[in-house]
Amino acid sequence: MEQLIQIVGALLILAAFILAQLGRLNPHSRSYLVANLAGSAILTVDAWVGEEWGFFLLESVWALVSAYGLVQVLRGRTPAAAH
């Protein structure tokens, strides 16, 4: 079951990334940010339970940044673009 949870989290992040790279999903859209937040939150919890601290750091920061971007979009702002 743990492996299935990890796969779901990873697929959420990867699907959003792939769709963004194909030009089918805007990286500043709610859908993209929600998928990233959900996937990284799932993987954050999994890393915490498994005491995998490097993975926990990566995924928790990913979740926090995704949440920040989502809040910005919900407030009507566009998150800063990567340069």
N, C-alpha and C. Protein backbone atom coordinates (compact mmCIF):
# COMPACT_ATOMS: atom_id res chain seq x y z
N MET A 1 0.83 -1.20 0.00
CA MET A 1 0.00 0.00 0.00
C MET A 1 0.87 1.26 0.00
N GLU A 2 1.97 1.21 0.75
CA GLU A 2 2.87 2.38 0.80
C GLU A 2 3.42 2.72 -0.57
N GLN A 3 3.76 1.71 -1.34
CA GLN A 3 4.27 1.94 -2.69
C GLN A 3 3.21 2.60 -3.58
N LEU A 4 1.97 2.19 -3.43
CA LEU A 4 0.88 2.77 -4.21
C LEU A 4 0.72 4.25 -3.87
N ILE A 5 0.80 4.59 -2.61
CA ILE A 5 0.70 5.98 -2.17
C ILE A 5 1.83 6.81 -2.78
N GLN A 6 3.05 6.28 -2.75
CA GLN A 6 4.19 6.98 -3.34
C GLN A 6 3.98 7.18 -4.84
N ILE A 7 3.48 6.17 -5.51
CA ILE A 7 3.27 6.25 -6.96
C ILE A 7 2.22 7.31 -7.28
N VAL A 8 1.15 7.36 -6.52
CA VAL A 8 0.10 8.36 -6.74
C VAL A 8 0.69 9.77 -6.57
N GLY A 9 1.44 9.98 -5.49
CA GLY A 9 2.06 11.29 -5.27
C GLY A 9 2.99 11.68 -6.40
N ALA A 10 3.83 10.75 -6.80
CA ALA A 10 4.77 11.02 -7.89
C ALA A 10 4.05 11.28 -9.21
N LEU A 11 3.01 10.51 -9.49
CA LEU A 11 2.27 10.70 -10.75
C LEU A 11 1.57 12.05 -10.81
N LEU A 12 1.07 12.54 -9.69
CA LEU A 12 0.46 13.86 -9.68
C LEU A 12 1.46 14.93 -10.09
N ILE A 13 2.65 14.87 -9.49
CA ILE A 13 3.70 15.85 -9.82
C ILE A 13 4.16 15.70 -11.26
N LEU A 14 4.43 14.47 -11.66
CA LEU A 14 4.94 14.22 -13.01
C LEU A 14 3.92 14.56 -14.09
N ALA A 15 2.66 14.24 -13.87
CA ALA A 15 1.63 14.55 -14.87
C ALA A 15 1.53 16.05 -15.09
N ALA A 16 1.53 16.81 -13.99
CA ALA A 16 1.47 18.28 -14.12
C ALA A 16 2.70 18.80 -14.87
N PHE A 17 3.87 18.29 -14.53
CA PHE A 17 5.10 18.73 -15.18
C PHE A 17 5.10 18.40 -16.67
N ILE A 18 4.73 17.17 -17.00
CA ILE A 18 4.71 16.75 -18.40
C ILE A 18 3.71 17.59 -19.20
N LEU A 19 2.52 17.78 -18.65
CA LEU A 19 1.51 18.58 -19.36
C LEU A 19 1.97 20.02 -19.53
N ALA A 20 2.67 20.56 -18.55
CA ALA A 20 3.20 21.92 -18.68
C ALA A 20 4.27 21.97 -19.77
N GLN A 21 5.12 20.96 -19.83
CA GLN A 21 6.17 20.94 -20.84
C GLN A 21 5.60 20.78 -22.25
N LEU A 22 4.47 20.11 -22.36
CA LEU A 22 3.81 19.93 -23.65
C LEU A 22 2.94 21.13 -24.03
N GLY A 23 2.86 22.12 -23.15
CA GLY A 23 2.08 23.30 -23.42
C GLY A 23 0.59 23.11 -23.20
N ARG A 24 0.20 22.05 -22.51
CA ARG A 24 -1.22 21.77 -22.29
C ARG A 24 -1.71 22.23 -20.92
N LEU A 25 -0.79 22.64 -20.08
CA LEU A 25 -1.16 23.10 -18.75
C LEU A 25 -0.25 24.26 -18.37
N ASN A 26 -0.85 25.35 -18.00
CA ASN A 26 -0.09 26.54 -17.60
C ASN A 26 0.50 26.31 -16.21
N PRO A 27 1.82 26.49 -16.04
CA PRO A 27 2.43 26.27 -14.74
C PRO A 27 1.96 27.24 -13.65
N HIS A 28 1.21 28.26 -14.04
CA HIS A 28 0.65 29.18 -13.06
C HIS A 28 -0.84 28.93 -12.83
N SER A 29 -1.36 27.85 -13.39
CA SER A 29 -2.78 27.55 -13.24
C SER A 29 -3.06 26.86 -11.91
N ARG A 30 -4.31 26.96 -11.50
CA ARG A 30 -4.73 26.28 -10.27
C ARG A 30 -4.51 24.78 -10.38
N SER A 31 -4.85 24.22 -11.53
CA SER A 31 -4.71 22.76 -11.72
C SER A 31 -3.28 22.30 -11.52
N TYR A 32 -2.35 23.02 -12.11
CA TYR A 32 -0.93 22.66 -11.99
C TYR A 32 -0.48 22.75 -10.53
N LEU A 33 -0.83 23.84 -9.89
CA LEU A 33 -0.39 24.06 -8.51
C LEU A 33 -1.05 23.09 -7.54
N VAL A 34 -2.32 22.78 -7.76
CA VAL A 34 -3.01 21.81 -6.90
C VAL A 34 -2.39 20.43 -7.06
N ALA A 35 -2.11 20.02 -8.29
CA ALA A 35 -1.49 18.71 -8.52
C ALA A 35 -0.12 18.64 -7.85
N ASN A 36 0.66 19.70 -7.96
CA ASN A 36 1.98 19.73 -7.32
C ASN A 36 1.85 19.72 -5.80
N LEU A 37 0.92 20.50 -5.27
CA LEU A 37 0.72 20.54 -3.83
C LEU A 37 0.25 19.18 -3.30
N ALA A 38 -0.72 18.58 -3.96
CA ALA A 38 -1.23 17.28 -3.50
C ALA A 38 -0.15 16.21 -3.58
N GLY A 39 0.54 16.14 -4.71
CA GLY A 39 1.58 15.13 -4.86
C GLY A 39 2.71 15.29 -3.87
N SER A 40 3.17 16.52 -3.71
CA SER A 40 4.29 16.74 -2.78
C SER A 40 3.85 16.58 -1.32
N ALA A 41 2.61 16.90 -1.01
CA ALA A 41 2.12 16.69 0.36
C ALA A 41 2.06 15.19 0.68
N ILE A 42 1.58 14.40 -0.26
CA ILE A 42 1.55 12.95 -0.09
C ILE A 42 2.95 12.41 0.15
N LEU A 43 3.90 12.85 -0.68
CA LEU A 43 5.27 12.37 -0.55
C LEU A 43 5.96 12.91 0.70
N THR A 44 5.58 14.10 1.15
CA THR A 44 6.13 14.65 2.39
C THR A 44 5.75 13.78 3.57
N VAL A 45 4.47 13.43 3.65
CA VAL A 45 4.00 12.58 4.75
C VAL A 45 4.69 11.22 4.70
N ASP A 46 4.80 10.66 3.50
CA ASP A 46 5.46 9.37 3.35
C ASP A 46 6.92 9.44 3.79
N ALA A 47 7.60 10.50 3.42
CA ALA A 47 9.00 10.67 3.83
C ALA A 47 9.13 10.82 5.34
N TRP A 48 8.20 11.54 5.95
CA TRP A 48 8.22 11.72 7.41
C TRP A 48 8.06 10.37 8.11
N VAL A 49 7.07 9.61 7.67
CA VAL A 49 6.80 8.29 8.27
C VAL A 49 8.01 7.38 8.10
N GLY A 50 8.63 7.43 6.93
CA GLY A 50 9.79 6.58 6.66
C GLY A 50 11.10 7.14 7.19
N GLU A 51 11.05 8.31 7.82
CA GLU A 51 12.25 8.98 8.35
C GLU A 51 13.33 9.14 7.28
N GLU A 52 12.89 9.55 6.11
CA GLU A 52 13.80 9.82 4.99
C GLU A 52 13.94 11.34 4.90
N TRP A 53 14.91 11.88 5.64
CA TRP A 53 14.97 13.32 5.88
C TRP A 53 15.33 14.16 4.66
N GLY A 54 16.18 13.66 3.80
CA GLY A 54 16.50 14.40 2.57
C GLY A 54 15.28 14.49 1.67
N PHE A 55 14.58 13.39 1.53
CA PHE A 55 13.35 13.35 0.74
C PHE A 55 12.28 14.21 1.39
N PHE A 56 12.22 14.17 2.72
CA PHE A 56 11.26 15.01 3.45
C PHE A 56 11.54 16.49 3.17
N LEU A 57 12.80 16.89 3.23
CA LEU A 57 13.16 18.29 2.96
C LEU A 57 12.74 18.70 1.55
N LEU A 58 13.09 17.89 0.58
CA LEU A 58 12.73 18.18 -0.81
C LEU A 58 11.23 18.35 -0.98
N GLU A 59 10.47 17.38 -0.52
CA GLU A 59 9.03 17.39 -0.75
C GLU A 59 8.30 18.42 0.10
N SER A 60 8.77 18.68 1.31
CA SER A 60 8.09 19.69 2.14
C SER A 60 8.30 21.08 1.55
N VAL A 61 9.49 21.37 1.05
CA VAL A 61 9.72 22.66 0.41
C VAL A 61 8.90 22.75 -0.87
N TRP A 62 8.83 21.67 -1.63
CA TRP A 62 8.03 21.64 -2.85
C TRP A 62 6.57 21.94 -2.52
N ALA A 63 6.06 21.34 -1.46
CA ALA A 63 4.67 21.57 -1.04
C ALA A 63 4.47 23.02 -0.61
N LEU A 64 5.40 23.56 0.16
CA LEU A 64 5.26 24.94 0.63
C LEU A 64 5.29 25.94 -0.53
N VAL A 65 6.17 25.73 -1.48
CA VAL A 65 6.26 26.63 -2.63
C VAL A 65 5.00 26.51 -3.49
N SER A 66 4.51 25.29 -3.67
CA SER A 66 3.27 25.09 -4.43
C SER A 66 2.10 25.75 -3.73
N ALA A 67 2.03 25.63 -2.41
CA ALA A 67 0.95 26.26 -1.64
C ALA A 67 1.03 27.78 -1.76
N TYR A 68 2.23 28.32 -1.69
CA TYR A 68 2.41 29.76 -1.84
C TYR A 68 1.92 30.22 -3.21
N GLY A 69 2.32 29.51 -4.26
CA GLY A 69 1.89 29.85 -5.61
C GLY A 69 0.38 29.76 -5.76
N LEU A 70 -0.21 28.74 -5.17
CA LEU A 70 -1.66 28.58 -5.25
C LEU A 70 -2.38 29.73 -4.54
N VAL A 71 -1.89 30.12 -3.38
CA VAL A 71 -2.48 31.25 -2.66
C VAL A 71 -2.40 32.52 -3.51
N GLN A 72 -1.26 32.73 -4.17
CA GLN A 72 -1.10 33.90 -5.03
C GLN A 72 -2.12 33.89 -6.15
N VAL A 73 -2.30 32.73 -6.79
CA VAL A 73 -3.27 32.62 -7.88
C VAL A 73 -4.68 32.85 -7.37
N LEU A 74 -5.01 32.30 -6.22
CA LEU A 74 -6.35 32.47 -5.67
C LEU A 74 -6.62 33.93 -5.28
N ARG A 75 -5.57 34.68 -5.00
CA ARG A 75 -5.70 36.11 -4.71
C ARG A 75 -5.70 36.97 -5.97
N GLY A 76 -5.61 36.31 -7.12
CA GLY A 76 -5.63 37.06 -8.38
C GLY A 76 -4.28 37.53 -8.85
N ARG A 77 -3.23 37.03 -8.25
CA ARG A 77 -1.88 37.40 -8.65
C ARG A 77 -1.23 36.27 -9.42
N THR A 78 -0.30 36.60 -10.27
CA THR A 78 0.46 35.59 -10.98
C THR A 78 1.77 35.37 -10.23
N PRO A 79 2.08 34.12 -9.86
CA PRO A 79 3.36 33.86 -9.21
C PRO A 79 4.52 34.29 -10.11
N ALA A 80 5.62 34.67 -9.51
CA ALA A 80 6.79 35.11 -10.28
C ALA A 80 7.26 33.98 -11.19
N ALA A 81 7.62 34.33 -12.40
CA ALA A 81 8.10 33.35 -13.36
C ALA A 81 9.57 33.03 -13.09
N ALA A 82 9.94 31.80 -13.37
CA ALA A 82 11.35 31.41 -13.25
C ALA A 82 12.14 32.03 -14.39
N HIS A 83 13.36 32.45 -14.12
CA HIS A 83 14.20 33.05 -15.15
C HIS A 83 15.34 32.14 -15.49
